[in-house]
C-alpha atoms as a PDB file:
ATOM      1  CA  MET A   1      47.896 -16.819  26.738  1.00  0.00           C
ATOM      2  CA  HIS A   2      46.263 -13.790  25.193  1.00  0.00           C
ATOM      3  CA  GLU A   3      48.129 -12.086  22.470  1.00  0.00           C
ATOM      4  CA  VAL A   4      47.815  -8.364  22.204  1.00  0.00           C
ATOM      5  CA  LEU A   5      47.921  -6.926  18.738  1.00  0.00           C
ATOM      6  CA  GLU A   6      50.103  -3.925  18.572  1.00  0.00           C
ATOM      7  CA  VAL A   7      49.438  -1.063  16.219  1.00  0.00           C
ATOM      8  CA  PRO A   8      52.605   0.042  14.517  1.00  0.00           C
ATOM      9  CA  GLU A   9      53.828   3.464  15.539  1.00  0.00           C
ATOM     10  CA  GLY A  10      52.587   6.291  13.405  1.00  0.00           C
ATOM     11  CA  HIS A  11      49.460   4.363  12.297  1.00  0.00           C
ATOM     12  CA  SER A  12      46.240   5.546  13.861  1.00  0.00           C
ATOM     13  CA  GLY A  13      43.762   3.559  11.785  1.00  0.00           C
ATOM     14  CA  GLY A  14      43.239   6.237   9.155  1.00  0.00           C
ATOM     15  CA  HIS A  15      40.656   8.343  10.961  1.00  0.00           C
ATOM     16  CA  GLU A  16      42.935  11.294  11.314  1.00  0.00           C
ATOM     17  CA  ASP A  17      44.063  10.951   7.711  1.00  0.00           C
ATOM     18  CA  ASN A  18      40.526  11.407   6.358  1.00  0.00           C
ATOM     19  CA  PRO A  19      38.788  14.628   7.437  1.00  0.00           C
ATOM     20  CA  LEU A  20      35.596  13.421   5.754  1.00  0.00           C
ATOM     21  CA  MET A  21      35.225  10.481   8.136  1.00  0.00           C
ATOM     22  CA  LEU A  22      32.973  12.192  10.688  1.00  0.00           C
ATOM     23  CA  PRO A  23      30.618  14.099   8.347  1.00  0.00           C
ATOM     24  CA  VAL A  24      30.284  11.117   6.012  1.00  0.00           C
ATOM     25  CA  THR A  25      29.582   8.772   8.919  1.00  0.00           C
ATOM     26  CA  ILE A  26      26.881  11.123  10.195  1.00  0.00           C
ATOM     27  CA  THR A  27      25.413  11.333   6.676  1.00  0.00           C
ATOM     28  CA  LEU A  28      25.398   7.538   6.455  1.00  0.00           C
ATOM     29  CA  SER A  29      23.611   7.305   9.785  1.00  0.00           C
ATOM     30  CA  ILE A  30      20.961   9.786   8.719  1.00  0.00           C
ATOM     31  CA  LEU A  31      20.431   7.995   5.410  1.00  0.00           C
ATOM     32  CA  ALA A  32      20.172   4.652   7.200  1.00  0.00           C
ATOM     33  CA  VAL A  33      17.456   6.026   9.522  1.00  0.00           C
ATOM     34  CA  LEU A  34      15.576   7.485   6.556  1.00  0.00           C
ATOM     35  CA  VAL A  35      15.797   4.153   4.697  1.00  0.00           C
ATOM     36  CA  ALA A  36      14.387   2.338   7.721  1.00  0.00           C
ATOM     37  CA  LEU A  37      11.557   4.863   8.073  1.00  0.00           C
ATOM     38  CA  VAL A  38      10.543   4.843   4.394  1.00  0.00           C
ATOM     39  CA  THR A  39      10.798   1.036   4.301  1.00  0.00           C
ATOM     40  CA  LEU A  40       8.442   0.770   7.289  1.00  0.00           C
ATOM     41  CA  LEU A  41       5.975   3.172   5.664  1.00  0.00           C
ATOM     42  CA  GLY A  42       6.136   1.158   2.443  1.00  0.00           C
ATOM     43  CA  HIS A  43       5.420  -2.101   4.272  1.00  0.00           C
ATOM     44  CA  ARG A  44       2.465  -0.548   6.069  1.00  0.00           C
ATOM     45  CA  ALA A  45       1.073   0.851   2.835  1.00  0.00           C
ATOM     46  CA  HIS A  46       1.346  -2.564   1.170  1.00  0.00           C
ATOM     47  CA  THR A  47      -0.431  -4.164   4.148  1.00  0.00           C
ATOM     48  CA  GLU A  48      -3.214  -1.580   3.927  1.00  0.00           C
ATOM     49  CA  GLU A  49      -3.460  -2.266   0.197  1.00  0.00           C
ATOM     50  CA  LEU A  50      -3.924  -5.995   0.798  1.00  0.00           C
ATOM     51  CA  LEU A  51      -6.531  -5.462   3.511  1.00  0.00           C
ATOM     52  CA  LEU A  52      -8.526  -3.099   1.293  1.00  0.00           C
ATOM     53  CA  GLN A  53      -8.326  -5.550  -1.599  1.00  0.00           C
ATOM     54  CA  THR A  54      -9.702  -8.301   0.650  1.00  0.00           C
ATOM     55  CA  GLN A  55     -12.532  -6.053   1.813  1.00  0.00           C
ATOM     56  CA  ALA A  56     -13.364  -5.079  -1.778  1.00  0.00           C
ATOM     57  CA  THR A  57     -13.364  -8.748  -2.804  1.00  0.00           C
ATOM     58  CA  ASP A  58     -15.739  -9.512   0.064  1.00  0.00           C
ATOM     59  CA  GLN A  59     -18.045  -6.724  -1.087  1.00  0.00           C
ATOM     60  CA  TRP A  60     -18.035  -8.044  -4.657  1.00  0.00           C
ATOM     61  CA  ALA A  61     -18.929 -11.524  -3.353  1.00  0.00           C
ATOM     62  CA  LEU A  62     -21.809  -9.988  -1.398  1.00  0.00           C
ATOM     63  CA  PHE A  63     -22.850  -8.070  -4.514  1.00  0.00           C
ATOM     64  CA  GLN A  64     -22.915 -11.314  -6.483  1.00  0.00           C
ATOM     65  CA  ALA A  65     -24.945 -13.096  -3.799  1.00  0.00           C
ATOM     66  CA  ARG A  66     -27.480 -10.262  -3.720  1.00  0.00           C
ATOM     67  CA  ASN A  67     -27.643 -10.248  -7.489  1.00  0.00           C
ATOM     68  CA  ILE A  68     -28.406 -13.977  -7.518  1.00  0.00           C
ATOM     69  CA  ARG A  69     -31.138 -13.520  -4.893  1.00  0.00           C
ATOM     70  CA  LEU A  70     -32.547 -10.626  -6.895  1.00  0.00           C
ATOM     71  CA  HIS A  71     -32.857 -12.786  -9.997  1.00  0.00           C
ATOM     72  CA  GLU A  72     -34.412 -15.632  -8.000  1.00  0.00           C
ATOM     73  CA  MET A  73     -37.037 -13.251  -6.557  1.00  0.00           C
ATOM     74  CA  GLN A  74     -37.709 -11.828 -10.019  1.00  0.00           C
ATOM     75  CA  ALA A  75     -38.177 -15.326 -11.427  1.00  0.00           C
ATOM     76  CA  VAL A  76     -40.637 -16.297  -8.681  1.00  0.00           C
ATOM     77  CA  ALA A  77     -42.589 -13.047  -9.114  1.00  0.00           C
ATOM     78  CA  ASP A  78     -42.695 -13.579 -12.887  1.00  0.00           C
ATOM     79  CA  MET A  79     -43.946 -17.140 -12.502  1.00  0.00           C
ATOM     80  CA  LEU A  80     -46.655 -16.064 -10.080  1.00  0.00           C
ATOM     81  CA  GLY A  81     -47.794 -13.442 -12.579  1.00  0.00           C
ATOM     82  CA  ALA A  82     -47.731 -15.781 -15.551  1.00  0.00           C
ATOM     83  CA  LEU A  83     -49.393 -18.868 -14.088  1.00  0.00           C
ATOM     84  CA  ALA A  84     -53.132 -19.254 -13.551  1.00  0.00           C
ATOM     85  CA  PRO A  85     -53.375 -20.069  -9.862  1.00  0.00           C
ATOM     86  CA  ALA A  86     -56.429 -21.458  -8.118  1.00  0.00           C
ATOM     87  CA  ASP A  87     -56.391 -18.629  -5.554  1.00  0.00           C
ATOM     88  CA  LYS A  88     -55.642 -15.426  -7.513  1.00  0.00           C
ATOM     89  CA  GLU A  89     -55.710 -13.148  -4.474  1.00  0.00           C
ATOM     90  CA  LYS A  90     -53.149 -15.256  -2.585  1.00  0.00           C
ATOM     91  CA  ALA A  91     -50.970 -15.517  -5.688  1.00  0.00           C
ATOM     92  CA  GLU A  92     -51.121 -11.737  -6.212  1.00  0.00           C
ATOM     93  CA  ALA A  93     -50.218 -11.125  -2.540  1.00  0.00           C
ATOM     94  CA  LEU A  94     -47.226 -13.474  -2.894  1.00  0.00           C
ATOM     95  CA  ARG A  95     -46.229 -11.795  -6.127  1.00  0.00           C
ATOM     96  CA  GLU A  96     -46.315  -8.372  -4.419  1.00  0.00           C
ATOM     97  CA  LYS A  97     -44.218  -9.759  -1.581  1.00  0.00           C
ATOM     98  CA  TYR A  98     -41.591 -11.039  -4.040  1.00  0.00           C
ATOM     99  CA  LEU A  99     -41.616  -7.777  -5.989  1.00  0.00           C
ATOM    100  CA  LYS A 100     -40.891  -5.879  -2.750  1.00  0.00           C
ATOM    101  CA  GLU A 101     -38.007  -8.304  -2.135  1.00  0.00           C
ATOM    102  CA  VAL A 102     -36.760  -7.612  -5.666  1.00  0.00           C
ATOM    103  CA  GLU A 103     -36.810  -3.898  -4.939  1.00  0.00           C
ATOM    104  CA  ARG A 104     -34.966  -4.384  -1.617  1.00  0.00           C
ATOM    105  CA  TYR A 105     -32.286  -6.615  -3.186  1.00  0.00           C
ATOM    106  CA  ASN A 106     -31.870  -4.175  -6.045  1.00  0.00           C
ATOM    107  CA  GLN A 107     -31.244  -1.320  -3.589  1.00  0.00           C
ATOM    108  CA  GLU A 108     -28.867  -3.416  -1.435  1.00  0.00           C
ATOM    109  CA  LYS A 109     -27.031  -4.568  -4.549  1.00  0.00           C
ATOM    110  CA  GLU A 110     -26.410  -0.966  -5.603  1.00  0.00           C
ATOM    111  CA  GLU A 111     -25.204  -0.018  -2.108  1.00  0.00           C
ATOM    112  CA  THR A 112     -22.850  -2.992  -2.115  1.00  0.00           C
ATOM    113  CA  ASN A 113     -21.607  -2.042  -5.576  1.00  0.00           C
ATOM    114  CA  ASP A 114     -20.843   1.501  -4.389  1.00  0.00           C
ATOM    115  CA  LYS A 115     -19.056   0.248  -1.269  1.00  0.00           C
ATOM    116  CA  ALA A 116     -16.935  -2.193  -3.332  1.00  0.00           C
ATOM    117  CA  LYS A 117     -15.928   0.596  -5.750  1.00  0.00           C
ATOM    118  CA  GLU A 118     -15.075   2.888  -2.831  1.00  0.00           C
ATOM    119  CA  LEU A 119     -12.843   0.183  -1.314  1.00  0.00           C
ATOM    120  CA  GLU A 120     -11.158  -0.377  -4.671  1.00  0.00           C
ATOM    121  CA  ASN A 121     -10.426   3.354  -4.940  1.00  0.00           C
ATOM    122  CA  GLU A 122      -8.940   3.333  -1.432  1.00  0.00           C
ATOM    123  CA  ARG A 123      -6.834   0.308  -2.388  1.00  0.00           C
ATOM    124  CA  MET A 124      -5.563   2.107  -5.472  1.00  0.00           C
ATOM    125  CA  LEU A 125      -4.567   5.086  -3.310  1.00  0.00           C
ATOM    126  CA  ALA A 126      -2.739   2.801  -0.858  1.00  0.00           C
ATOM    127  CA  SER A 127      -1.001   1.166  -3.828  1.00  0.00           C
ATOM    128  CA  ARG A 128       0.154   4.525  -5.181  1.00  0.00           C
ATOM    129  CA  ARG A 129       1.403   5.512  -1.718  1.00  0.00           C
ATOM    130  CA  ALA A 130       3.284   2.222  -1.407  1.00  0.00           C
ATOM    131  CA  ASP A 131       4.860   2.824  -4.826  1.00  0.00           C
ATOM    132  CA  ARG A 132       6.074   6.255  -3.712  1.00  0.00           C
ATOM    133  CA  PHE A 133       7.531   4.848  -0.497  1.00  0.00           C
ATOM    134  CA  ASP A 134       9.217   2.056  -2.453  1.00  0.00           C
ATOM    135  CA  ALA A 135      10.717   4.521  -4.936  1.00  0.00           C
ATOM    136  CA  GLY A 136      11.934   6.736  -2.082  1.00  0.00           C
ATOM    137  CA  GLU A 137      13.501   3.706  -0.429  1.00  0.00           C
ATOM    138  CA  VAL A 138      15.399   2.833  -3.615  1.00  0.00           C
ATOM    139  CA  PHE A 139      16.849   6.343  -3.937  1.00  0.00           C
ATOM    140  CA  LEU A 140      17.778   6.446  -0.254  1.00  0.00           C
ATOM    141  CA  GLU A 141      19.507   3.062  -0.449  1.00  0.00           C
ATOM    142  CA  ILE A 142      21.436   4.109  -3.549  1.00  0.00           C
ATOM    143  CA  GLY A 143      22.383   7.338  -1.746  1.00  0.00           C
ATOM    144  CA  LEU A 144      23.590   5.296   1.209  1.00  0.00           C
ATOM    145  CA  ILE A 145      25.811   3.171  -1.010  1.00  0.00           C
ATOM    146  CA  VAL A 146      27.158   6.088  -3.023  1.00  0.00           C
ATOM    147  CA  THR A 147      27.944   8.003   0.179  1.00  0.00           C
ATOM    148  CA  SER A 148      29.875   5.015   1.542  1.00  0.00           C
ATOM    149  CA  PHE A 149      32.175   5.204  -1.481  1.00  0.00           C
ATOM    150  CA  THR A 150      33.478   8.445   0.010  1.00  0.00           C
ATOM    151  CA  LEU A 151      35.105   6.484   2.813  1.00  0.00           C
ATOM    152  CA  LEU A 152      36.896   4.286   0.300  1.00  0.00           C
ATOM    153  CA  THR A 153      37.958   6.991  -2.127  1.00  0.00           C
ATOM    154  CA  SER A 154      38.056  10.183  -0.009  1.00  0.00           C
ATOM    155  CA  LYS A 155      36.326  11.982  -2.898  1.00  0.00           C
ATOM    156  CA  LYS A 156      33.690  14.532  -1.968  1.00  0.00           C
ATOM    157  CA  LEU A 157      31.808  13.913  -5.226  1.00  0.00           C
ATOM    158  CA  PHE A 158      30.482  10.638  -3.817  1.00  0.00           C
ATOM    159  CA  TRP A 159      29.439  12.328  -0.598  1.00  0.00           C
ATOM    160  CA  TYR A 160      27.578  15.125  -2.409  1.00  0.00           C
ATOM    161  CA  SER A 161      25.988  12.664  -4.846  1.00  0.00           C
ATOM    162  CA  GLY A 162      24.833  10.485  -1.955  1.00  0.00           C
ATOM    163  CA  ILE A 163      23.326  13.488  -0.192  1.00  0.00           C
ATOM    164  CA  ALA A 164      21.542  14.519  -3.411  1.00  0.00           C
ATOM    165  CA  LEU A 165      20.151  11.012  -3.901  1.00  0.00           C
ATOM    166  CA  GLY A 166      19.065  10.971  -0.247  1.00  0.00           C
ATOM    167  CA  ILE A 167      17.208  14.264  -0.716  1.00  0.00           C
ATOM    168  CA  VAL A 168      15.503  12.948  -3.853  1.00  0.00           C
ATOM    169  CA  GLY A 169      14.514   9.752  -2.018  1.00  0.00           C
ATOM    170  CA  SER A 170      13.198  11.720   0.948  1.00  0.00           C
ATOM    171  CA  VAL A 171      11.117  14.006  -1.273  1.00  0.00           C
ATOM    172  CA  ILE A 172       9.657  11.056  -3.172  1.00  0.00           C
ATOM    173  CA  GLY A 173       8.848   9.320   0.130  1.00  0.00           C
ATOM    174  CA  ILE A 174       7.174  12.462   1.492  1.00  0.00           C
ATOM    175  CA  THR A 175       4.988  12.708  -1.613  1.00  0.00           C
ATOM    176  CA  GLY A 176       3.411   9.412  -0.519  1.00  0.00           C
ATOM    177  CA  PHE A 177       1.711  11.394   2.246  1.00  0.00           C
ATOM    178  CA  LEU A 178       0.479  14.036  -0.171  1.00  0.00           C
ATOM    179  CA  LEU A 179      -1.598  11.682  -2.305  1.00  0.00           C
ATOM    180  CA  HIS A 180      -5.356  11.893  -1.785  1.00  0.00           C
END
């Protein structure tokens, strides 16, 4: 029922014919692990970038809300100062209250502005890191492909070129950690 395929005599599958098989296979495995690692780091950096962008956008929305409140308080204080109220003492007390609110909103607005800019700078750093990881991934993947040509051609040039591309990709990926 089951047929057994027989390997013709003298044919061992080519492994013994190619002395590069083992070192190239090990190189391919190492490159594959490095590709996976750099890809993961790139994905995490992109996720961090998106989270920071969302936080910065939230801060800018808060800045805008505080700016609107600031202008509303300024308008009320200006009206209380310009109109001739029946009770001048009460109007002046209200005006002082609104001027204190203007001062508070102005301070909060500046703090929010600084926080939003800080988050944008962090996002830019995460973006630059992600770009480095992505570039490292590209070089590692190309190195993986070029190295695999060694198995098809038995030419060491492809193996050495793949190793060189893998080193370049690794160095570029590592530089993602060095950015500050």
